[in-house]
Amino acid sequence: MQYNLNCDNSHKVTSIFLPQEWLALTCSVLLGFGDACYNTQTMSLLGGVYPDEAGPAFAIFKFTQSIAACVGFAYTGVVRDTDCAKVCQM
């Protein structure tokens, strides 16, 4: 299913920045670095807080992280349909 977020072609969408490959790659690297730092600090914190039960703590963390990713992917379709319907009614 394709999503047409403009809902019609009568509106011209403008952007603040022109699409630039170096900007997209720089943002991707920064997001990846930030995610890696966040995961490293979270795992370090879990290991420090639960030194005797680190295995179950890591398992619960990865489980909740996976459930959150699953909910996010499933919810994307609902949000897109709802937002497009609201935009079209304006």
N, C-alpha and C. Protein backbone atom coordinates (compact mmCIF):
# COMPACT_ATOMS: atom_id res chain seq x y z
N MET A 1 0.83 -1.16 0.00
CA MET A 1 0.00 0.00 0.00
C MET A 1 0.89 1.24 0.00
N GLN A 2 0.67 2.10 -0.94
CA GLN A 2 1.45 3.32 -1.01
C GLN A 2 0.70 4.43 -0.28
N TYR A 3 1.47 5.29 0.34
CA TYR A 3 0.89 6.40 1.08
C TYR A 3 1.19 7.69 0.35
N ASN A 4 0.15 8.45 0.09
CA ASN A 4 0.31 9.76 -0.51
C ASN A 4 -0.02 10.78 0.56
N LEU A 5 0.99 11.26 1.26
CA LEU A 5 0.76 12.14 2.38
C LEU A 5 0.28 13.52 1.95
N ASN A 6 0.45 13.86 0.69
CA ASN A 6 -0.08 15.13 0.22
C ASN A 6 -1.56 15.03 -0.07
N CYS A 7 -2.05 13.83 -0.34
CA CYS A 7 -3.45 13.53 -0.62
C CYS A 7 -3.95 14.14 -1.93
N ASP A 8 -3.36 15.14 -2.41
CA ASP A 8 -3.62 15.66 -3.75
C ASP A 8 -2.38 16.42 -4.19
N ASN A 9 -2.30 16.70 -5.44
CA ASN A 9 -1.09 17.33 -5.96
C ASN A 9 -1.21 18.85 -6.11
N SER A 10 -2.21 19.45 -5.46
CA SER A 10 -2.40 20.89 -5.61
C SER A 10 -1.50 21.70 -4.67
N HIS A 11 -0.92 21.06 -3.68
CA HIS A 11 -0.06 21.76 -2.74
C HIS A 11 1.40 21.53 -3.11
N LYS A 12 2.16 22.60 -3.17
CA LYS A 12 3.59 22.47 -3.42
C LYS A 12 4.30 22.42 -2.09
N VAL A 13 5.04 21.35 -1.88
CA VAL A 13 5.76 21.17 -0.62
C VAL A 13 7.15 21.75 -0.79
N THR A 14 7.52 22.65 0.11
CA THR A 14 8.85 23.24 0.05
C THR A 14 9.66 22.74 1.24
N SER A 15 10.94 22.84 1.13
CA SER A 15 11.84 22.37 2.17
C SER A 15 12.78 23.49 2.56
N ILE A 16 13.24 23.43 3.80
CA ILE A 16 14.21 24.42 4.26
C ILE A 16 15.55 24.16 3.60
N PHE A 17 15.93 22.88 3.51
CA PHE A 17 17.20 22.49 2.92
C PHE A 17 16.96 21.68 1.66
N LEU A 18 17.82 21.86 0.70
CA LEU A 18 17.78 20.98 -0.46
C LEU A 18 18.36 19.63 -0.06
N PRO A 19 17.87 18.54 -0.63
CA PRO A 19 18.42 17.23 -0.27
C PRO A 19 19.90 17.16 -0.62
N GLN A 20 20.69 16.78 0.37
CA GLN A 20 22.13 16.68 0.18
C GLN A 20 22.61 15.36 0.76
N GLU A 21 23.38 14.64 -0.02
CA GLU A 21 23.84 13.32 0.40
C GLU A 21 24.73 13.40 1.64
N TRP A 22 25.64 14.34 1.70
CA TRP A 22 26.55 14.43 2.83
C TRP A 22 25.80 14.73 4.12
N LEU A 23 24.72 15.51 4.04
CA LEU A 23 23.94 15.83 5.23
C LEU A 23 23.20 14.59 5.74
N ALA A 24 22.65 13.82 4.83
CA ALA A 24 21.96 12.59 5.22
C ALA A 24 22.93 11.59 5.83
N LEU A 25 24.11 11.45 5.25
CA LEU A 25 25.10 10.52 5.80
C LEU A 25 25.62 10.99 7.15
N THR A 26 25.84 12.29 7.31
CA THR A 26 26.30 12.82 8.59
C THR A 26 25.27 12.59 9.68
N CYS A 27 24.01 12.85 9.37
CA CYS A 27 22.95 12.62 10.35
C CYS A 27 22.83 11.14 10.69
N SER A 28 23.01 10.27 9.71
CA SER A 28 22.96 8.83 9.96
C SER A 28 24.08 8.39 10.89
N VAL A 29 25.27 8.90 10.65
CA VAL A 29 26.41 8.55 11.51
C VAL A 29 26.19 9.06 12.93
N LEU A 30 25.69 10.28 13.07
CA LEU A 30 25.45 10.83 14.40
C LEU A 30 24.35 10.08 15.14
N LEU A 31 23.29 9.69 14.44
CA LEU A 31 22.24 8.90 15.07
C LEU A 31 22.75 7.53 15.49
N GLY A 32 23.55 6.90 14.66
CA GLY A 32 24.14 5.61 15.00
C GLY A 32 25.07 5.71 16.18
N PHE A 33 25.88 6.74 16.23
CA PHE A 33 26.80 6.95 17.35
C PHE A 33 26.03 7.19 18.64
N GLY A 34 24.98 8.00 18.56
CA GLY A 34 24.16 8.26 19.74
C GLY A 34 23.48 7.01 20.24
N ASP A 35 22.98 6.19 19.33
CA ASP A 35 22.34 4.94 19.72
C ASP A 35 23.34 3.99 20.36
N ALA A 36 24.53 3.92 19.80
CA ALA A 36 25.57 3.05 20.37
C ALA A 36 25.95 3.52 21.77
N CYS A 37 26.08 4.82 21.97
CA CYS A 37 26.40 5.35 23.30
C CYS A 37 25.29 5.06 24.29
N TYR A 38 24.05 5.24 23.87
CA TYR A 38 22.91 4.97 24.75
C TYR A 38 22.89 3.50 25.15
N ASN A 39 23.04 2.59 24.21
CA ASN A 39 23.02 1.16 24.53
C ASN A 39 24.19 0.77 25.42
N THR A 40 25.36 1.32 25.16
CA THR A 40 26.52 1.01 25.99
C THR A 40 26.31 1.47 27.43
N GLN A 41 25.82 2.69 27.60
CA GLN A 41 25.59 3.21 28.95
C GLN A 41 24.49 2.44 29.67
N THR A 42 23.45 2.06 28.94
CA THR A 42 22.37 1.29 29.56
C THR A 42 22.86 -0.08 30.01
N MET A 43 23.63 -0.76 29.17
CA MET A 43 24.16 -2.07 29.55
C MET A 43 25.13 -1.94 30.72
N SER A 44 25.93 -0.90 30.74
CA SER A 44 26.85 -0.67 31.84
C SER A 44 26.09 -0.42 33.15
N LEU A 45 25.03 0.36 33.07
CA LEU A 45 24.22 0.64 34.25
C LEU A 45 23.55 -0.63 34.76
N LEU A 46 23.00 -1.43 33.86
CA LEU A 46 22.37 -2.69 34.28
C LEU A 46 23.39 -3.62 34.93
N GLY A 47 24.58 -3.70 34.38
CA GLY A 47 25.63 -4.54 34.96
C GLY A 47 26.06 -4.07 36.32
N GLY A 48 26.05 -2.75 36.54
CA GLY A 48 26.43 -2.21 37.83
C GLY A 48 25.35 -2.34 38.88
N VAL A 49 24.09 -2.17 38.47
CA VAL A 49 22.98 -2.25 39.42
C VAL A 49 22.68 -3.69 39.81
N TYR A 50 22.79 -4.61 38.86
CA TYR A 50 22.49 -6.02 39.11
C TYR A 50 23.72 -6.89 38.84
N PRO A 51 24.76 -6.78 39.64
CA PRO A 51 25.98 -7.55 39.34
C PRO A 51 25.80 -9.06 39.49
N ASP A 52 24.96 -9.48 40.42
CA ASP A 52 24.75 -10.92 40.63
C ASP A 52 23.73 -11.52 39.69
N GLU A 53 22.84 -10.69 39.16
CA GLU A 53 21.78 -11.17 38.27
C GLU A 53 21.83 -10.42 36.95
N ALA A 54 23.01 -10.29 36.37
CA ALA A 54 23.18 -9.51 35.14
C ALA A 54 22.50 -10.18 33.96
N GLY A 55 22.57 -11.50 33.87
CA GLY A 55 21.96 -12.21 32.75
C GLY A 55 20.47 -11.95 32.61
N PRO A 56 19.68 -12.18 33.68
CA PRO A 56 18.25 -11.89 33.59
C PRO A 56 17.95 -10.40 33.36
N ALA A 57 18.77 -9.52 33.92
CA ALA A 57 18.55 -8.08 33.72
C ALA A 57 18.75 -7.71 32.25
N PHE A 58 19.79 -8.24 31.62
CA PHE A 58 20.02 -7.97 30.19
C PHE A 58 18.90 -8.57 29.34
N ALA A 59 18.44 -9.76 29.71
CA ALA A 59 17.37 -10.42 28.96
C ALA A 59 16.08 -9.61 29.03
N ILE A 60 15.75 -9.11 30.21
CA ILE A 60 14.53 -8.31 30.35
C ILE A 60 14.66 -7.01 29.58
N PHE A 61 15.83 -6.39 29.63
CA PHE A 61 16.04 -5.15 28.87
C PHE A 61 15.87 -5.37 27.38
N LYS A 62 16.50 -6.42 26.83
CA LYS A 62 16.39 -6.69 25.39
C LYS A 62 14.96 -7.07 25.02
N PHE A 63 14.27 -7.78 25.92
CA PHE A 63 12.88 -8.15 25.66
C PHE A 63 12.01 -6.90 25.55
N THR A 64 12.13 -5.98 26.52
CA THR A 64 11.31 -4.77 26.47
C THR A 64 11.70 -3.88 25.28
N GLN A 65 12.98 -3.87 24.93
CA GLN A 65 13.42 -3.10 23.77
C GLN A 65 12.81 -3.67 22.49
N SER A 66 12.77 -4.98 22.38
CA SER A 66 12.19 -5.63 21.20
C SER A 66 10.69 -5.42 21.12
N ILE A 67 10.01 -5.49 22.25
CA ILE A 67 8.56 -5.24 22.26
C ILE A 67 8.27 -3.81 21.84
N ALA A 68 9.06 -2.86 22.31
CA ALA A 68 8.87 -1.46 21.93
C ALA A 68 9.08 -1.26 20.43
N ALA A 69 10.08 -1.92 19.86
CA ALA A 69 10.32 -1.83 18.42
C ALA A 69 9.16 -2.44 17.65
N CYS A 70 8.65 -3.56 18.12
CA CYS A 70 7.52 -4.21 17.47
C CYS A 70 6.28 -3.31 17.48
N VAL A 71 5.99 -2.71 18.63
CA VAL A 71 4.85 -1.81 18.74
C VAL A 71 5.04 -0.60 17.83
N GLY A 72 6.25 -0.08 17.77
CA GLY A 72 6.52 1.06 16.90
C GLY A 72 6.30 0.75 15.43
N PHE A 73 6.77 -0.41 14.98
CA PHE A 73 6.55 -0.80 13.59
C PHE A 73 5.08 -1.04 13.30
N ALA A 74 4.37 -1.68 14.22
CA ALA A 74 2.95 -1.96 14.01
C ALA A 74 2.12 -0.68 14.02
N TYR A 75 2.50 0.26 14.85
CA TYR A 75 1.74 1.50 15.00
C TYR A 75 1.95 2.46 13.83
N THR A 76 3.01 2.28 13.08
CA THR A 76 3.32 3.18 11.97
C THR A 76 2.20 3.21 10.93
N GLY A 77 1.67 2.06 10.60
CA GLY A 77 0.58 2.01 9.63
C GLY A 77 -0.66 2.73 10.10
N VAL A 78 -0.98 2.63 11.37
CA VAL A 78 -2.15 3.30 11.93
C VAL A 78 -1.96 4.81 11.89
N VAL A 79 -0.79 5.28 12.26
CA VAL A 79 -0.53 6.72 12.29
C VAL A 79 -0.58 7.31 10.89
N ARG A 80 0.00 6.62 9.93
CA ARG A 80 0.00 7.14 8.56
C ARG A 80 -1.41 7.24 8.01
N ASP A 81 -2.23 6.23 8.22
CA ASP A 81 -3.61 6.27 7.72
C ASP A 81 -4.40 7.39 8.38
N THR A 82 -4.24 7.52 9.68
CA THR A 82 -4.97 8.55 10.42
C THR A 82 -4.53 9.94 10.01
N ASP A 83 -3.22 10.18 9.92
CA ASP A 83 -2.72 11.50 9.56
C ASP A 83 -3.13 11.89 8.16
N CYS A 84 -3.07 10.96 7.23
CA CYS A 84 -3.46 11.28 5.85
C CYS A 84 -4.94 11.61 5.78
N ALA A 85 -5.77 10.90 6.54
CA ALA A 85 -7.20 11.19 6.55
C ALA A 85 -7.46 12.57 7.12
N LYS A 86 -6.73 12.95 8.18
CA LYS A 86 -6.90 14.28 8.78
C LYS A 86 -6.46 15.37 7.82
N VAL A 87 -5.36 15.16 7.11
CA VAL A 87 -4.86 16.15 6.17
C VAL A 87 -5.84 16.33 5.03
N CYS A 88 -6.39 15.23 4.54
CA CYS A 88 -7.33 15.31 3.41
C CYS A 88 -8.61 16.03 3.80
N GLN A 89 -9.01 15.99 5.07
CA GLN A 89 -10.25 16.62 5.49
C GLN A 89 -10.07 18.11 5.71
N MET A 90 -8.86 18.60 5.79
CA MET A 90 -8.62 20.02 6.03
C MET A 90 -9.01 20.85 4.84
